[in-house]
Amino acid sequence: MKIYLISLGCAKNRVDSELIIGLLEKNKAILVDEPNEADLLMVNTCAFIESARKEAIDTILSLADYKTANKKLIVCGCLPQRYDNLVQLLPEVDAFIPIKDYPNFNKIISNLFKSDYQGELSFLNKHVSTPNYMRYIKISEGCLNHCAFCAIPLIRGKLKSRPIESIVSEVSQAVKNKAYEINLISQDTTRYGYDLYNENSIVNLLAEIVKIPGDFKVRLLYLYPDIVSDSLIQFIKNNPKIMPYFDIPIQHSEDDLLKAMNRRGNKEYLLELFSKIKKEIPNAIIRTTLIVGFPGETDLDITNLLEFIKDVKFDRLGAFTYSKEEGTKGALMPNQIKERVKKARYNEVMTIQEDIARKKQEAYINSVIDDCFITGYDEENLMYLARNYMYAPDDIDGVIYVAAKEEHKLGDLVKIRVKDADAYSLVGEEI
């Protein structure tokens, strides 16, 4: 059987797609690059916000155009997990597979094709969709937080952590296959293990991962601020295999807004946390995410948020305008903000951050940066593309352009001297 798959949404969804393709390939299926070549058309959907749902439906309808009597169209992931009336809305689809049915994926495919597909989804049998130098490793599913803006608990459910042994086995396999950058992902990475071990166990997990022999680095993504513990900061400080990269979405700085969002912690705590990280690990990169336009947000809240951003000086900052999501507490709140006001506030935030980012980047000019790994080649500029610990692999942080002295392959480590910079990229020459 030939399969064509489109995976939408976040890296966590991407891992699910890798598991699905891995299972099908184990049953002699072949992944193809064009939908017209496939027997099975698949869309792994995101349904986090309205724009993601629209993208999912548009993608489903575009693939439906390729259907023939012998082709099947399957929709899996967050969209069918969140909505159970899709059969009537999208009759073009032959099967909807919500996340809760993934343990029966082989049976569903077997029934659809009147065949016998064996096995189950396995983290040791993934179809790796990333370049060989990097991996996404999903350490848990779901979330125990109930943020007023977020539909994740409605889709992914409560926290379900993988055992430490399972994760270590997958990381070991990746390192043996020459992966250099290991990205640990989940909905709430700092809460890892709470359901299994009755305590937040991310440090215990890292302690086992760093024992794995080999030349590799680990990046943590999605850290909830109020449980970024002193022990975690110290572990990252004292273990060179862990990248000093702190991805800590805070959503806002103002106490009233944080409370309304059902977020733990307050502005004072956040300022102390970021100050502590910078003091303990001066070369740490701190990234955050903000939401503007949450119900009840005032002009004063935005003024204070802008001052907060100037005070902290985040290395990386992304912002979103609030999306009113059905089933969430925020959707029922009064004082909803108009879209034009949200967009204006978003522009204010990003303008301030661009200036901060540019100054931070320019400070690297004439410095030497080690352990940059080659990620591609820019035909237009005739330069290699690279990243190091300062840049996450999700195309948000930016990139390093490298004028190389010799030909390189993906994953090669180089040392560069920075010659130029802007808000989102560095330009350097190999030394």
Protein backbone atom coordinates (compact mmCIF):
# COMPACT_ATOMS: atom_id res chain seq x y z
CA MET A 1 0.00 0.00 0.00
CA LYS A 2 1.20 3.49 -0.87
CA ILE A 3 0.57 6.28 1.65
CA TYR A 4 0.51 10.05 1.30
CA LEU A 5 0.44 11.92 4.63
CA ILE A 6 0.14 15.59 5.50
CA SER A 7 0.95 16.36 9.15
CA LEU A 8 -0.35 19.67 10.47
CA GLY A 9 0.28 21.55 13.71
CA CYS A 10 3.03 21.19 16.26
CA ALA A 11 6.05 18.94 16.66
CA LYS A 12 4.05 16.75 19.04
CA ASN A 13 1.63 16.02 16.20
CA ARG A 14 4.61 15.34 13.98
CA VAL A 15 5.77 12.62 16.36
CA ASP A 16 2.32 11.01 16.17
CA SER A 17 2.63 11.01 12.37
CA GLU A 18 6.05 9.35 12.65
CA LEU A 19 4.52 6.63 14.82
CA ILE A 20 1.65 6.05 12.39
CA ILE A 21 3.89 5.80 9.33
CA GLY A 22 6.30 3.57 11.26
CA LEU A 23 3.49 1.11 11.98
CA LEU A 24 2.29 1.09 8.37
CA GLU A 25 5.82 0.69 6.99
CA LYS A 26 6.31 -2.28 9.29
CA ASN A 27 3.39 -3.78 7.38
CA LYS A 28 5.16 -3.18 4.03
CA ALA A 29 3.46 0.13 3.23
CA ILE A 30 5.40 2.75 1.25
CA LEU A 31 5.37 6.51 1.82
CA VAL A 32 5.02 8.50 -1.44
CA ASP A 33 5.56 12.17 -2.24
CA GLU A 34 2.52 12.80 -4.44
CA PRO A 35 -1.15 12.29 -3.53
CA ASN A 36 -2.07 10.95 -6.96
CA GLU A 37 0.34 8.01 -6.37
CA ALA A 38 -1.24 6.94 -3.07
CA ASP A 39 -3.74 4.27 -2.12
CA LEU A 40 -4.24 5.91 1.27
CA LEU A 41 -4.49 9.68 1.76
CA MET A 42 -4.05 10.83 5.35
CA VAL A 43 -4.25 14.14 7.21
CA ASN A 44 -3.04 14.36 10.81
CA THR A 45 -4.90 17.44 12.01
CA CYS A 46 -4.48 20.23 14.53
CA ALA A 47 -7.52 21.82 16.19
CA PHE A 48 -5.89 24.08 18.76
CA ILE A 49 -7.29 27.37 17.44
CA GLU A 50 -9.71 28.45 14.72
CA SER A 51 -7.02 29.08 12.09
CA ALA A 52 -5.64 25.57 12.64
CA ARG A 53 -9.10 24.04 12.20
CA LYS A 54 -9.61 25.98 8.98
CA GLU A 55 -6.25 24.79 7.66
CA ALA A 56 -7.17 21.21 8.55
CA ILE A 57 -10.52 21.34 6.74
CA ASP A 58 -9.01 23.04 3.68
CA THR A 59 -6.32 20.33 3.54
CA ILE A 60 -8.89 17.53 3.87
CA LEU A 61 -10.98 18.96 1.04
CA SER A 62 -7.94 19.43 -1.20
CA LEU A 63 -6.93 15.78 -0.72
CA ALA A 64 -10.52 14.67 -1.36
CA ASP A 65 -10.06 15.88 -4.94
CA TYR A 66 -7.60 13.01 -5.47
CA LYS A 67 -10.02 10.32 -4.31
CA THR A 68 -11.01 7.54 -6.68
CA ALA A 69 -12.88 4.31 -6.14
CA ASN A 70 -9.70 2.65 -4.94
CA LYS A 71 -8.28 5.47 -2.80
CA LYS A 72 -9.19 5.97 0.84
CA LEU A 73 -9.03 9.23 2.80
CA ILE A 74 -8.38 9.12 6.56
CA VAL A 75 -8.42 12.03 9.00
CA CYS A 76 -6.74 11.54 12.37
CA GLY A 77 -5.45 13.61 15.28
CA CYS A 78 -6.90 16.55 17.13
CA LEU A 79 -9.83 17.46 14.88
CA PRO A 80 -11.71 14.14 15.21
CA GLN A 81 -10.65 13.97 18.85
CA ARG A 82 -12.35 17.31 19.54
CA TYR A 83 -15.45 16.94 17.32
CA ASP A 84 -17.60 13.83 16.94
CA ASN A 85 -19.93 15.16 14.21
CA LEU A 86 -17.41 15.19 11.37
CA VAL A 87 -18.96 12.22 9.56
CA GLN A 88 -21.91 14.42 8.57
CA LEU A 89 -19.78 17.48 7.83
CA LEU A 90 -17.10 15.73 5.77
CA PRO A 91 -18.68 12.76 3.96
CA GLU A 92 -15.63 12.62 1.66
CA VAL A 93 -13.63 11.03 4.51
CA ASP A 94 -13.60 7.23 4.79
CA ALA A 95 -12.49 7.08 8.42
CA PHE A 96 -11.90 9.46 11.32
CA ILE A 97 -9.34 8.27 13.86
CA PRO A 98 -9.27 10.34 17.08
CA ILE A 99 -6.22 10.20 19.33
CA LYS A 100 -8.02 7.96 21.81
CA ASP A 101 -8.27 5.28 19.10
CA TYR A 102 -4.55 5.22 18.24
CA PRO A 103 -4.03 1.96 20.20
CA ASN A 104 -6.39 0.33 17.64
CA PHE A 105 -4.83 1.95 14.58
CA ASN A 106 -3.86 -1.40 13.02
CA LYS A 107 -7.39 -2.77 13.41
CA ILE A 108 -8.99 0.33 11.87
CA ILE A 109 -6.69 0.16 8.84
CA SER A 110 -7.28 -3.59 8.55
CA ASN A 111 -11.05 -3.12 8.47
CA LEU A 112 -10.80 -0.28 5.97
CA PHE A 113 -8.67 -2.24 3.51
CA LYS A 114 -10.01 -5.72 4.31
CA SER A 115 -6.48 -6.79 5.17
CA ASP A 116 -4.44 -7.74 8.23
CA TYR A 117 -2.20 -5.02 9.66
CA GLN A 118 -0.20 -6.20 12.65
CA GLY A 119 1.51 -4.36 15.51
CA GLU A 120 0.99 -1.16 17.44
CA LEU A 121 2.43 2.35 17.53
CA SER A 122 5.97 2.20 18.91
CA PHE A 123 8.49 4.92 19.73
CA LEU A 124 11.25 2.52 18.68
CA ASN A 125 9.67 2.03 15.28
CA LYS A 126 9.09 5.60 14.11
CA HIS A 127 9.42 6.82 10.55
CA VAL A 128 11.89 9.62 11.29
CA SER A 129 10.74 12.71 9.39
CA THR A 130 13.44 15.06 10.66
CA PRO A 131 16.98 15.32 9.28
CA ASN A 132 19.26 12.71 10.80
CA TYR A 133 21.11 15.22 13.01
CA MET A 134 17.99 15.93 15.11
CA ARG A 135 15.03 14.22 16.75
CA TYR A 136 11.83 15.22 18.50
CA ILE A 137 11.24 12.98 21.52
CA LYS A 138 7.76 13.23 23.04
CA ILE A 139 8.04 12.52 26.78
CA SER A 140 4.40 12.90 27.81
CA GLU A 141 0.92 13.57 26.51
CA GLY A 142 -1.81 15.84 27.87
CA CYS A 143 -1.77 18.47 30.56
CA LEU A 144 -2.82 19.06 34.18
CA ASN A 145 -3.06 22.83 33.76
CA HIS A 146 -6.42 24.37 32.93
CA CYS A 147 -5.50 27.70 31.36
CA ALA A 148 -8.62 29.68 30.53
CA PHE A 149 -7.57 30.22 26.90
CA CYS A 150 -6.43 26.69 26.08
CA ALA A 151 -8.27 23.75 24.51
CA ILE A 152 -5.39 21.27 24.92
CA PRO A 153 -6.91 19.45 27.94
CA LEU A 154 -10.15 19.09 25.94
CA ILE A 155 -8.20 17.44 23.12
CA ARG A 156 -5.24 15.65 24.65
CA GLY A 157 -6.65 14.96 28.11
CA LYS A 158 -4.78 14.71 31.40
CA LEU A 159 -1.05 14.20 31.79
CA LYS A 160 0.18 10.79 30.65
CA SER A 161 3.96 10.44 30.98
CA ARG A 162 6.10 7.81 29.34
CA PRO A 163 8.29 5.78 31.70
CA ILE A 164 11.89 6.99 32.00
CA GLU A 165 13.14 3.67 30.61
CA SER A 166 11.07 4.05 27.44
CA ILE A 167 12.38 7.56 26.76
CA VAL A 168 16.00 6.59 27.46
CA SER A 169 15.68 3.69 25.00
CA GLU A 170 14.42 6.01 22.28
CA VAL A 171 17.12 8.63 22.90
CA SER A 172 19.79 5.90 22.91
CA GLN A 173 18.52 4.65 19.57
CA ALA A 174 18.59 8.18 18.14
CA VAL A 175 22.14 8.84 19.36
CA LYS A 176 23.34 5.52 17.92
CA ASN A 177 21.91 6.70 14.60
CA LYS A 178 24.04 9.87 14.81
CA ALA A 179 21.40 12.33 16.05
CA TYR A 180 23.17 15.31 17.62
CA GLU A 181 20.21 17.46 18.78
CA ILE A 182 17.60 15.78 20.97
CA ASN A 183 14.49 17.94 21.53
CA LEU A 184 12.32 16.83 24.44
CA ILE A 185 8.72 17.94 23.89
CA SER A 186 5.34 17.68 25.60
CA GLN A 187 2.45 19.95 26.55
CA ASP A 188 4.15 20.67 29.90
CA THR A 189 7.71 19.35 30.03
CA THR A 190 8.37 20.54 33.57
CA ARG A 191 5.47 18.46 34.88
CA TYR A 192 6.90 15.28 33.36
CA GLY A 193 6.43 12.17 35.50
CA TYR A 194 4.02 13.62 38.05
CA ASP A 195 1.39 11.02 37.14
CA LEU A 196 3.85 8.11 37.26
CA TYR A 197 6.19 8.98 40.10
CA ASN A 198 4.10 11.36 42.27
CA GLU A 199 6.61 14.14 41.70
CA ASN A 200 7.86 16.33 38.87
CA SER A 201 10.58 14.10 37.47
CA ILE A 202 12.18 16.00 34.60
CA VAL A 203 15.52 16.23 36.45
CA ASN A 204 15.44 12.48 37.12
CA LEU A 205 14.81 11.87 33.42
CA LEU A 206 17.66 14.17 32.37
CA ALA A 207 19.99 12.46 34.83
CA GLU A 208 19.42 9.17 32.99
CA ILE A 209 19.67 10.71 29.53
CA VAL A 210 23.05 12.35 30.15
CA LYS A 211 24.46 8.92 31.03
CA ILE A 212 23.94 7.80 27.43
CA PRO A 213 27.35 7.66 25.69
CA GLY A 214 27.85 9.75 22.58
CA ASP A 215 28.21 13.29 21.27
CA PHE A 216 24.76 14.86 21.55
CA LYS A 217 22.89 17.76 23.13
CA VAL A 218 19.43 17.90 24.70
CA ARG A 219 17.00 20.80 24.38
CA LEU A 220 13.93 21.20 26.61
CA LEU A 221 10.86 22.81 25.08
CA TYR A 222 7.64 24.04 26.77
CA LEU A 223 8.53 24.72 30.43
CA TYR A 224 5.76 25.99 32.71
CA PRO A 225 7.27 28.93 34.65
CA ASP A 226 6.19 28.22 38.22
CA ILE A 227 7.77 24.74 38.17
CA VAL A 228 11.11 25.69 36.64
CA SER A 229 12.81 24.57 39.83
CA ASP A 230 16.20 25.51 41.25
CA SER A 231 17.25 21.88 40.82
CA LEU A 232 16.41 22.02 37.10
CA ILE A 233 18.37 25.25 36.64
CA GLN A 234 21.36 23.79 38.46
CA PHE A 235 21.20 20.56 36.47
CA ILE A 236 21.25 22.47 33.19
CA LYS A 237 24.08 24.65 34.50
CA ASN A 238 26.23 21.67 35.49
CA ASN A 239 25.58 19.31 32.58
CA PRO A 240 27.05 20.32 29.22
CA LYS A 241 24.87 17.80 27.39
CA ILE A 242 21.81 19.92 28.27
CA MET A 243 21.49 23.06 26.17
CA PRO A 244 21.11 26.21 28.31
CA TYR A 245 17.91 27.07 26.47
CA PHE A 246 14.82 27.98 28.51
CA ASP A 247 11.57 27.96 26.54
CA ILE A 248 9.15 29.35 29.13
CA PRO A 249 5.78 30.58 27.80
CA ILE A 250 4.43 33.09 30.33
CA GLN A 251 1.42 34.41 28.30
CA HIS A 252 1.38 37.77 30.13
CA SER A 253 3.11 39.80 32.83
CA GLU A 254 0.19 41.39 34.67
CA ASP A 255 -1.16 39.70 37.79
CA ASP A 256 -4.86 40.31 37.07
CA LEU A 257 -4.51 38.88 33.56
CA LEU A 258 -2.51 35.89 34.77
CA LYS A 259 -5.18 35.18 37.36
CA ALA A 260 -7.95 35.49 34.78
CA MET A 261 -6.02 33.13 32.50
CA ASN A 262 -5.82 30.65 35.40
CA ARG A 263 -2.03 30.81 35.29
CA ARG A 264 -0.01 30.21 38.44
CA GLY A 265 2.63 32.71 39.58
CA ASN A 266 2.77 36.48 39.23
CA LYS A 267 4.94 39.24 37.80
CA GLU A 268 7.27 39.36 40.79
CA TYR A 269 7.89 35.61 40.53
CA LEU A 270 8.55 35.84 36.79
CA LEU A 271 11.07 38.66 37.22
CA GLU A 272 12.88 36.70 39.93
CA LEU A 273 12.90 33.54 37.81
CA PHE A 274 14.44 35.18 34.76
CA SER A 275 16.94 37.07 36.91
CA LYS A 276 17.94 33.80 38.60
CA ILE A 277 18.45 31.99 35.28
CA LYS A 278 20.63 34.80 33.92
CA LYS A 279 22.67 34.94 37.12
CA GLU A 280 23.24 31.18 37.29
CA ILE A 281 23.73 30.66 33.54
CA PRO A 282 24.92 33.89 31.88
CA ASN A 283 24.91 32.34 28.39
CA ALA A 284 21.35 31.00 28.75
CA ILE A 285 18.84 31.74 26.02
CA ILE A 286 15.39 32.65 27.35
CA ARG A 287 12.40 32.34 25.04
CA THR A 288 8.79 33.09 25.87
CA THR A 289 5.33 33.31 24.34
CA LEU A 290 2.70 35.95 25.02
CA ILE A 291 -1.02 36.32 24.37
CA VAL A 292 -2.43 39.79 23.77
CA GLY A 293 -6.11 40.67 23.68
CA PHE A 294 -7.29 38.27 26.39
CA PRO A 295 -10.74 39.32 27.71
CA GLY A 296 -10.49 42.25 30.09
CA GLU A 297 -6.99 43.32 29.03
CA THR A 298 -6.64 47.11 29.28
CA ASP A 299 -4.39 49.69 27.66
CA LEU A 300 -2.55 49.93 30.99
CA ASP A 301 -1.96 46.18 30.96
CA ILE A 302 -0.28 46.50 27.56
CA THR A 303 1.80 49.49 28.70
CA ASN A 304 3.00 47.47 31.68
CA LEU A 305 3.64 44.41 29.51
CA LEU A 306 5.83 46.46 27.18
CA GLU A 307 7.84 47.74 30.15
CA PHE A 308 8.16 44.16 31.42
CA ILE A 309 9.54 43.06 28.04
CA LYS A 310 12.06 45.90 28.11
CA ASP A 311 13.12 44.94 31.64
CA VAL A 312 13.60 41.23 30.99
CA LYS A 313 15.02 41.54 27.46
CA PHE A 314 14.02 38.11 26.19
CA ASP A 315 16.34 36.55 23.66
CA ARG A 316 13.36 35.14 21.79
CA LEU A 317 9.74 36.18 22.04
CA GLY A 318 6.65 35.15 20.10
CA ALA A 319 3.19 36.60 20.50
CA PHE A 320 -0.33 35.57 19.53
CA THR A 321 -3.63 37.40 19.50
CA TYR A 322 -6.18 35.73 21.77
CA SER A 323 -8.41 33.18 20.03
CA LYS A 324 -11.85 32.62 21.54
CA GLU A 325 -12.10 28.82 21.80
CA GLU A 326 -15.36 27.01 22.52
CA GLY A 327 -15.29 24.91 25.66
CA THR A 328 -12.74 27.13 27.39
CA LYS A 329 -13.35 29.44 30.32
CA GLY A 330 -12.07 32.45 28.38
CA ALA A 331 -14.73 32.09 25.70
CA LEU A 332 -17.44 32.83 28.27
CA MET A 333 -15.78 35.87 29.78
CA PRO A 334 -17.13 39.41 29.34
CA ASN A 335 -15.07 42.28 27.93
CA GLN A 336 -13.88 40.45 24.82
CA ILE A 337 -11.36 42.54 22.87
CA LYS A 338 -11.97 43.65 19.27
CA GLU A 339 -9.74 42.09 16.62
CA ARG A 340 -8.30 45.41 15.45
CA VAL A 341 -7.26 46.21 19.04
CA LYS A 342 -5.65 42.78 19.41
CA LYS A 343 -3.67 43.27 16.21
CA ALA A 344 -2.52 46.75 17.25
CA ARG A 345 -1.33 45.42 20.61
CA TYR A 346 0.42 42.50 18.90
CA ASN A 347 2.27 44.93 16.64
CA GLU A 348 3.36 47.01 19.63
CA VAL A 349 4.78 43.94 21.38
CA MET A 350 6.65 42.67 18.33
CA THR A 351 8.07 46.10 17.49
CA ILE A 352 9.55 46.39 20.97
CA GLN A 353 10.90 42.84 20.83
CA GLU A 354 12.47 43.30 17.39
CA ASP A 355 14.57 46.18 18.72
CA ILE A 356 15.65 44.12 21.75
CA ALA A 357 16.46 41.11 19.60
CA ARG A 358 18.50 43.15 17.13
CA LYS A 359 20.67 44.62 19.87
CA LYS A 360 21.20 41.19 21.43
CA GLN A 361 22.17 39.69 18.09
CA GLU A 362 24.52 42.55 17.20
CA ALA A 363 26.39 41.93 20.46
CA TYR A 364 27.67 38.68 18.92
CA ILE A 365 29.49 40.47 16.08
CA ASN A 366 33.23 39.58 16.09
CA SER A 367 32.66 36.78 18.62
CA VAL A 368 33.40 33.11 17.96
CA ILE A 369 30.58 30.56 18.23
CA ASP A 370 31.36 26.86 18.63
CA ASP A 371 29.26 23.81 17.82
CA CYS A 372 27.14 25.25 15.04
CA PHE A 373 25.58 22.34 13.17
CA ILE A 374 24.81 22.58 9.46
CA THR A 375 21.08 22.38 8.70
CA GLY A 376 20.90 23.28 5.01
CA TYR A 377 22.15 25.41 2.16
CA ASP A 378 20.80 28.75 0.94
CA GLU A 379 21.10 28.75 -2.87
CA GLU A 380 20.24 32.44 -3.09
CA ASN A 381 22.99 33.62 -0.72
CA LEU A 382 25.38 30.74 -1.49
CA MET A 383 25.83 30.13 2.22
CA TYR A 384 25.19 27.23 4.54
CA LEU A 385 22.46 27.44 7.15
CA ALA A 386 23.26 26.42 10.70
CA ARG A 387 21.97 26.43 14.25
CA ASN A 388 23.52 26.02 17.68
CA TYR A 389 21.98 25.81 21.15
CA MET A 390 20.64 29.37 20.80
CA TYR A 391 18.22 28.46 18.01
CA ALA A 392 15.36 25.97 18.34
CA PRO A 393 14.41 23.95 15.25
CA ASP A 394 10.90 25.33 14.75
CA ASP A 395 11.79 28.23 12.38
CA ILE A 396 10.75 30.79 15.01
CA ASP A 397 14.14 31.68 16.46
CA GLY A 398 16.01 32.39 13.25
CA VAL A 399 19.16 30.97 11.70
CA ILE A 400 22.92 31.34 11.31
CA TYR A 401 24.33 31.91 7.80
CA VAL A 402 27.78 30.41 7.33
CA ALA A 403 30.36 31.25 4.69
CA ALA A 404 32.16 27.90 4.70
CA LYS A 405 35.73 27.01 3.85
CA GLU A 406 34.78 23.58 2.49
CA GLU A 407 31.80 21.48 1.55
CA HIS A 408 29.63 20.22 4.41
CA LYS A 409 26.88 17.70 4.93
CA LEU A 410 23.87 18.07 7.20
CA GLY A 411 24.80 17.81 10.86
CA ASP A 412 28.47 18.74 10.44
CA LEU A 413 29.76 20.82 13.37
CA VAL A 414 31.56 24.06 12.52
CA LYS A 415 33.03 27.00 14.40
CA ILE A 416 32.27 30.49 13.10
CA ARG A 417 33.24 34.10 13.66
CA VAL A 418 30.20 36.39 13.50
CA LYS A 419 30.51 39.17 10.94
CA ASP A 420 26.99 40.61 10.81
CA ALA A 421 23.58 40.31 12.47
CA ASP A 422 19.97 41.35 12.37
CA ALA A 423 17.06 40.68 14.74
CA TYR A 424 16.64 37.06 13.69
CA SER A 425 19.90 35.85 12.14
CA LEU A 426 23.64 35.88 12.41
CA VAL A 427 26.08 35.87 9.50
CA GLY A 428 29.47 34.30 10.09
CA GLU A 429 32.49 32.77 8.42
CA GLU A 430 33.86 29.36 9.23
CA ILE A 431 37.16 29.37 11.11
